[in-house]
Amino acid sequence: MNQYVNLVIFAAAAVGLVGLIVLLNALLGPKSTATPVKLEPFECGSLPLQQRNTRPISIKYYPVAIFFLLFDLETVLLFIWAVSAGHRDTATVSLFSFLFFAGVLALAFIYIWRDGGLEWK
């Protein structure tokens, strides 16, 4: 068989199995009604500390979170470069793309560091 036919059959089987499980849960699963007690935020059986369970998050968190995601993406590029080291053409292209991305990541890190985003006060 063709590889794409196998892929389509596998994807259809996976989607079908997930759909069957969701359908059986909707038909056979327990039904619960929403009561005011059930809609309260759960804090280990104690009374809620706040009426609304939201706290303001410092804006300095977001650059660090984005920087962390970029670091994860850099590790993926590092693995691609390591796998393609045996092929000369792809190794050169992947090395330059990795070095470019690492340079951009280093600039972002320097910006966050100078801006004080890594200091928690």
N, C-alpha and C. Protein backbone atom coordinates (compact mmCIF):
# COMPACT_ATOMS: atom_id res chain seq x y z
N MET A 1 0.83 -1.19 0.00
CA MET A 1 0.00 0.00 0.00
C MET A 1 0.87 1.24 0.00
N ASN A 2 0.29 2.31 -0.43
CA ASN A 2 0.97 3.59 -0.43
C ASN A 2 1.11 4.11 1.01
N GLN A 3 2.17 4.86 1.31
CA GLN A 3 2.39 5.37 2.66
C GLN A 3 1.30 6.33 3.09
N TYR A 4 0.80 7.11 2.16
CA TYR A 4 -0.24 8.08 2.50
C TYR A 4 -1.56 7.40 2.80
N VAL A 5 -1.83 6.27 2.16
CA VAL A 5 -3.05 5.53 2.47
C VAL A 5 -2.97 5.01 3.90
N ASN A 6 -1.81 4.50 4.30
CA ASN A 6 -1.64 4.04 5.67
C ASN A 6 -1.83 5.18 6.66
N LEU A 7 -1.31 6.35 6.33
CA LEU A 7 -1.46 7.51 7.20
C LEU A 7 -2.93 7.91 7.33
N VAL A 8 -3.66 7.92 6.24
CA VAL A 8 -5.07 8.29 6.27
C VAL A 8 -5.87 7.26 7.07
N ILE A 9 -5.57 5.99 6.90
CA ILE A 9 -6.27 4.95 7.66
C ILE A 9 -5.99 5.10 9.15
N PHE A 10 -4.74 5.35 9.50
CA PHE A 10 -4.39 5.54 10.91
C PHE A 10 -5.08 6.76 11.50
N ALA A 11 -5.09 7.87 10.75
CA ALA A 11 -5.73 9.09 11.26
C ALA A 11 -7.23 8.88 11.40
N ALA A 12 -7.86 8.21 10.44
CA ALA A 12 -9.30 7.94 10.53
C ALA A 12 -9.61 7.04 11.72
N ALA A 13 -8.78 6.03 11.95
CA ALA A 13 -9.00 5.14 13.09
C ALA A 13 -8.84 5.90 14.40
N ALA A 14 -7.84 6.79 14.50
CA ALA A 14 -7.63 7.56 15.72
C ALA A 14 -8.79 8.50 15.99
N VAL A 15 -9.23 9.22 14.95
CA VAL A 15 -10.36 10.15 15.11
C VAL A 15 -11.63 9.37 15.43
N GLY A 16 -11.82 8.23 14.78
CA GLY A 16 -13.00 7.41 15.05
C GLY A 16 -13.03 6.88 16.46
N LEU A 17 -11.88 6.44 16.97
CA LEU A 17 -11.82 5.92 18.33
C LEU A 17 -12.09 7.03 19.35
N VAL A 18 -11.51 8.19 19.14
CA VAL A 18 -11.77 9.31 20.05
C VAL A 18 -13.24 9.72 19.99
N GLY A 19 -13.81 9.77 18.80
CA GLY A 19 -15.22 10.11 18.67
C GLY A 19 -16.12 9.09 19.35
N LEU A 20 -15.79 7.81 19.22
CA LEU A 20 -16.57 6.76 19.86
C LEU A 20 -16.50 6.88 21.38
N ILE A 21 -15.33 7.17 21.92
CA ILE A 21 -15.19 7.31 23.37
C ILE A 21 -15.98 8.51 23.88
N VAL A 22 -15.92 9.62 23.16
CA VAL A 22 -16.68 10.81 23.57
C VAL A 22 -18.18 10.56 23.49
N LEU A 23 -18.62 9.87 22.44
CA LEU A 23 -20.05 9.56 22.29
C LEU A 23 -20.52 8.62 23.39
N LEU A 24 -19.74 7.58 23.69
CA LEU A 24 -20.13 6.67 24.76
C LEU A 24 -20.16 7.37 26.11
N ASN A 25 -19.25 8.29 26.34
CA ASN A 25 -19.25 9.04 27.59
C ASN A 25 -20.50 9.92 27.69
N ALA A 26 -20.88 10.53 26.58
CA ALA A 26 -22.08 11.38 26.60
C ALA A 26 -23.34 10.56 26.82
N LEU A 27 -23.38 9.36 26.27
CA LEU A 27 -24.58 8.53 26.41
C LEU A 27 -24.63 7.78 27.74
N LEU A 28 -23.53 7.22 28.15
CA LEU A 28 -23.52 6.34 29.31
C LEU A 28 -22.95 6.97 30.57
N GLY A 29 -22.29 8.09 30.45
CA GLY A 29 -21.63 8.71 31.60
C GLY A 29 -22.59 9.35 32.57
N PRO A 30 -22.10 9.69 33.76
CA PRO A 30 -22.97 10.31 34.76
C PRO A 30 -23.34 11.74 34.35
N LYS A 31 -24.55 12.09 34.69
CA LYS A 31 -25.04 13.44 34.41
C LYS A 31 -25.06 14.22 35.72
N SER A 32 -24.48 15.40 35.73
CA SER A 32 -24.49 16.22 36.94
C SER A 32 -25.10 17.57 36.62
N THR A 33 -25.78 18.12 37.61
CA THR A 33 -26.37 19.45 37.45
C THR A 33 -25.46 20.47 38.14
N ALA A 34 -25.42 21.66 37.61
CA ALA A 34 -24.57 22.71 38.15
C ALA A 34 -25.28 23.36 39.33
N THR A 35 -24.69 23.23 40.51
CA THR A 35 -25.19 23.89 41.71
C THR A 35 -24.21 24.98 42.11
N PRO A 36 -24.63 25.92 42.93
CA PRO A 36 -23.69 26.97 43.35
C PRO A 36 -22.46 26.42 44.07
N VAL A 37 -22.62 25.32 44.80
CA VAL A 37 -21.48 24.74 45.50
C VAL A 37 -20.50 24.13 44.50
N LYS A 38 -21.04 23.49 43.45
CA LYS A 38 -20.17 22.89 42.44
C LYS A 38 -19.43 23.93 41.61
N LEU A 39 -20.00 25.12 41.46
CA LEU A 39 -19.38 26.15 40.66
C LEU A 39 -18.33 26.96 41.41
N GLU A 40 -18.18 26.73 42.72
CA GLU A 40 -17.16 27.43 43.50
C GLU A 40 -15.77 26.89 43.14
N PRO A 41 -14.75 27.74 43.23
CA PRO A 41 -13.39 27.23 43.01
C PRO A 41 -13.00 26.29 44.15
N PHE A 42 -12.30 25.24 43.80
CA PHE A 42 -11.92 24.22 44.78
C PHE A 42 -10.56 24.55 45.36
N GLU A 43 -10.50 24.69 46.68
CA GLU A 43 -9.23 24.97 47.36
C GLU A 43 -9.05 24.00 48.52
N CYS A 44 -8.98 22.72 48.22
CA CYS A 44 -8.68 21.66 49.19
C CYS A 44 -9.66 21.63 50.35
N GLY A 45 -10.91 21.90 50.13
CA GLY A 45 -11.91 21.79 51.17
C GLY A 45 -12.03 23.00 52.07
N SER A 46 -11.13 23.97 51.98
CA SER A 46 -11.22 25.16 52.83
C SER A 46 -12.03 26.23 52.10
N LEU A 47 -12.38 27.24 52.83
CA LEU A 47 -13.12 28.34 52.22
C LEU A 47 -12.23 29.09 51.24
N PRO A 48 -12.77 29.58 50.15
CA PRO A 48 -11.96 30.31 49.18
C PRO A 48 -11.34 31.56 49.81
N LEU A 49 -10.09 31.83 49.45
CA LEU A 49 -9.39 32.99 49.98
C LEU A 49 -9.86 34.28 49.32
N GLN A 50 -10.30 34.18 48.09
CA GLN A 50 -10.74 35.36 47.34
C GLN A 50 -12.10 35.05 46.73
N GLN A 51 -12.86 36.11 46.47
CA GLN A 51 -14.12 35.90 45.79
C GLN A 51 -13.88 35.49 44.34
N ARG A 52 -13.02 36.21 43.67
CA ARG A 52 -12.64 35.85 42.30
C ARG A 52 -11.28 35.19 42.38
N ASN A 53 -11.14 34.08 41.71
CA ASN A 53 -9.89 33.32 41.80
C ASN A 53 -8.90 33.80 40.74
N THR A 54 -8.71 35.10 40.66
CA THR A 54 -7.73 35.65 39.72
C THR A 54 -6.83 36.61 40.48
N ARG A 55 -5.56 36.52 40.20
CA ARG A 55 -4.58 37.44 40.78
C ARG A 55 -3.87 38.15 39.63
N PRO A 56 -3.53 39.40 39.80
CA PRO A 56 -2.79 40.07 38.74
C PRO A 56 -1.40 39.47 38.59
N ILE A 57 -0.99 39.20 37.36
CA ILE A 57 0.33 38.65 37.08
C ILE A 57 1.21 39.78 36.59
N SER A 58 2.42 39.80 37.09
CA SER A 58 3.37 40.83 36.69
C SER A 58 3.62 40.75 35.19
N ILE A 59 3.72 41.89 34.55
CA ILE A 59 3.95 41.93 33.11
C ILE A 59 5.33 41.40 32.75
N LYS A 60 6.25 41.37 33.73
CA LYS A 60 7.59 40.85 33.48
C LYS A 60 7.59 39.35 33.26
N TYR A 61 6.51 38.68 33.58
CA TYR A 61 6.43 37.24 33.37
C TYR A 61 6.40 36.90 31.89
N TYR A 62 5.72 37.68 31.09
CA TYR A 62 5.49 37.34 29.69
C TYR A 62 6.77 37.31 28.84
N PRO A 63 7.69 38.26 28.94
CA PRO A 63 8.93 38.11 28.15
C PRO A 63 9.73 36.88 28.55
N VAL A 64 9.73 36.54 29.83
CA VAL A 64 10.46 35.36 30.26
C VAL A 64 9.78 34.10 29.71
N ALA A 65 8.46 34.08 29.70
CA ALA A 65 7.74 32.92 29.16
C ALA A 65 7.99 32.77 27.67
N ILE A 66 7.98 33.87 26.94
CA ILE A 66 8.25 33.81 25.50
C ILE A 66 9.69 33.40 25.25
N PHE A 67 10.60 33.89 26.08
CA PHE A 67 11.99 33.50 25.96
C PHE A 67 12.16 32.00 26.20
N PHE A 68 11.43 31.45 27.15
CA PHE A 68 11.50 30.01 27.42
C PHE A 68 10.99 29.22 26.21
N LEU A 69 9.92 29.67 25.59
CA LEU A 69 9.41 28.98 24.40
C LEU A 69 10.42 29.04 23.26
N LEU A 70 11.07 30.16 23.10
CA LEU A 70 12.10 30.27 22.06
C LEU A 70 13.27 29.34 22.35
N PHE A 71 13.62 29.19 23.62
CA PHE A 71 14.69 28.27 23.98
C PHE A 71 14.31 26.83 23.64
N ASP A 72 13.05 26.47 23.88
CA ASP A 72 12.59 25.13 23.49
C ASP A 72 12.68 24.94 21.99
N LEU A 73 12.32 25.96 21.23
CA LEU A 73 12.41 25.86 19.78
C LEU A 73 13.87 25.74 19.34
N GLU A 74 14.76 26.39 20.05
CA GLU A 74 16.18 26.28 19.71
C GLU A 74 16.69 24.86 19.94
N THR A 75 16.23 24.20 20.97
CA THR A 75 16.66 22.82 21.19
C THR A 75 16.16 21.90 20.09
N VAL A 76 14.99 22.17 19.56
CA VAL A 76 14.49 21.38 18.42
C VAL A 76 15.39 21.59 17.21
N LEU A 77 15.77 22.83 16.95
CA LEU A 77 16.69 23.10 15.84
C LEU A 77 18.04 22.44 16.06
N LEU A 78 18.48 22.36 17.30
CA LEU A 78 19.74 21.70 17.60
C LEU A 78 19.67 20.21 17.29
N PHE A 79 18.55 19.58 17.60
CA PHE A 79 18.38 18.16 17.28
C PHE A 79 18.33 17.94 15.77
N ILE A 80 17.66 18.84 15.04
CA ILE A 80 17.61 18.71 13.58
C ILE A 80 19.01 18.84 13.01
N TRP A 81 19.80 19.76 13.52
CA TRP A 81 21.16 19.93 13.03
C TRP A 81 22.00 18.69 13.34
N ALA A 82 21.82 18.12 14.52
CA ALA A 82 22.60 16.94 14.89
C ALA A 82 22.24 15.74 14.02
N VAL A 83 20.97 15.58 13.68
CA VAL A 83 20.54 14.45 12.85
C VAL A 83 21.04 14.62 11.43
N SER A 84 21.05 15.84 10.93
CA SER A 84 21.44 16.07 9.54
C SER A 84 22.95 16.24 9.38
N ALA A 85 23.74 15.95 10.39
CA ALA A 85 25.19 16.13 10.31
C ALA A 85 25.82 15.19 9.29
N GLY A 86 25.19 14.08 8.98
CA GLY A 86 25.75 13.13 8.02
C GLY A 86 25.59 13.56 6.58
N HIS A 87 24.66 14.44 6.28
CA HIS A 87 24.41 14.92 4.92
C HIS A 87 25.02 16.31 4.77
N ARG A 88 25.86 16.47 3.80
CA ARG A 88 26.60 17.73 3.66
C ARG A 88 25.73 18.93 3.33
N ASP A 89 24.80 18.76 2.38
CA ASP A 89 23.97 19.90 1.97
C ASP A 89 23.03 20.36 3.08
N THR A 90 22.33 19.41 3.67
CA THR A 90 21.37 19.80 4.71
C THR A 90 22.08 20.22 6.00
N ALA A 91 23.26 19.67 6.26
CA ALA A 91 23.99 20.05 7.47
C ALA A 91 24.41 21.51 7.42
N THR A 92 24.84 21.98 6.27
CA THR A 92 25.26 23.38 6.16
C THR A 92 24.07 24.32 6.34
N VAL A 93 22.97 24.02 5.68
CA VAL A 93 21.79 24.88 5.80
C VAL A 93 21.26 24.87 7.23
N SER A 94 21.18 23.68 7.83
CA SER A 94 20.65 23.61 9.19
C SER A 94 21.60 24.25 10.19
N LEU A 95 22.91 24.18 9.94
CA LEU A 95 23.86 24.84 10.84
C LEU A 95 23.69 26.35 10.79
N PHE A 96 23.57 26.92 9.58
CA PHE A 96 23.40 28.37 9.47
C PHE A 96 22.06 28.82 10.04
N SER A 97 21.01 28.03 9.85
CA SER A 97 19.71 28.41 10.43
C SER A 97 19.77 28.33 11.96
N PHE A 98 20.48 27.33 12.48
CA PHE A 98 20.63 27.22 13.94
C PHE A 98 21.44 28.39 14.49
N LEU A 99 22.54 28.75 13.83
CA LEU A 99 23.35 29.85 14.30
C LEU A 99 22.60 31.18 14.23
N PHE A 100 21.81 31.38 13.18
CA PHE A 100 21.00 32.60 13.06
C PHE A 100 19.99 32.66 14.20
N PHE A 101 19.30 31.56 14.43
CA PHE A 101 18.29 31.54 15.49
C PHE A 101 18.93 31.71 16.85
N ALA A 102 20.10 31.09 17.07
CA ALA A 102 20.80 31.25 18.35
C ALA A 102 21.24 32.70 18.55
N GLY A 103 21.63 33.37 17.48
CA GLY A 103 21.99 34.78 17.58
C GLY A 103 20.81 35.65 17.95
N VAL A 104 19.67 35.40 17.32
CA VAL A 104 18.46 36.16 17.65
C VAL A 104 18.05 35.88 19.10
N LEU A 105 18.18 34.64 19.51
CA LEU A 105 17.84 34.28 20.88
C LEU A 105 18.79 34.95 21.88
N ALA A 106 20.06 35.04 21.54
CA ALA A 106 21.02 35.72 22.41
C ALA A 106 20.69 37.21 22.53
N LEU A 107 20.31 37.84 21.42
CA LEU A 107 19.90 39.24 21.47
C LEU A 107 18.67 39.44 22.34
N ALA A 108 17.71 38.52 22.24
CA ALA A 108 16.50 38.61 23.07
C ALA A 108 16.85 38.43 24.54
N PHE A 109 17.77 37.52 24.84
CA PHE A 109 18.19 37.31 26.22
C PHE A 109 18.87 38.55 26.78
N ILE A 110 19.73 39.17 25.99
CA ILE A 110 20.42 40.38 26.44
C ILE A 110 19.40 41.50 26.69
N TYR A 111 18.40 41.62 25.81
CA TYR A 111 17.37 42.64 25.98
C TYR A 111 16.59 42.41 27.28
N ILE A 112 16.18 41.15 27.52
CA ILE A 112 15.41 40.86 28.72
C ILE A 112 16.27 41.09 29.96
N TRP A 113 17.53 40.74 29.90
CA TRP A 113 18.43 40.90 31.04
C TRP A 113 18.63 42.38 31.36
N ARG A 114 18.88 43.21 30.33
CA ARG A 114 19.09 44.65 30.57
C ARG A 114 17.81 45.36 30.99
N ASP A 115 16.68 44.85 30.53
CA ASP A 115 15.39 45.46 30.87
C ASP A 115 14.98 45.11 32.29
N GLY A 116 15.65 44.14 32.91
CA GLY A 116 15.33 43.75 34.27
C GLY A 116 14.23 42.70 34.36
N GLY A 117 13.98 42.01 33.26
CA GLY A 117 12.92 41.00 33.26
C GLY A 117 13.26 39.75 34.02
N LEU A 118 14.51 39.55 34.36
CA LEU A 118 14.90 38.36 35.10
C LEU A 118 14.99 38.60 36.60
N GLU A 119 14.70 39.81 37.03
CA GLU A 119 14.74 40.14 38.45
C GLU A 119 13.32 40.17 39.01
N TRP A 120 13.07 39.34 39.99
CA TRP A 120 11.75 39.26 40.60
C TRP A 120 11.77 40.03 41.91
N LYS A 121 10.98 41.08 41.96
CA LYS A 121 10.93 41.91 43.18
C LYS A 121 9.56 41.84 43.78
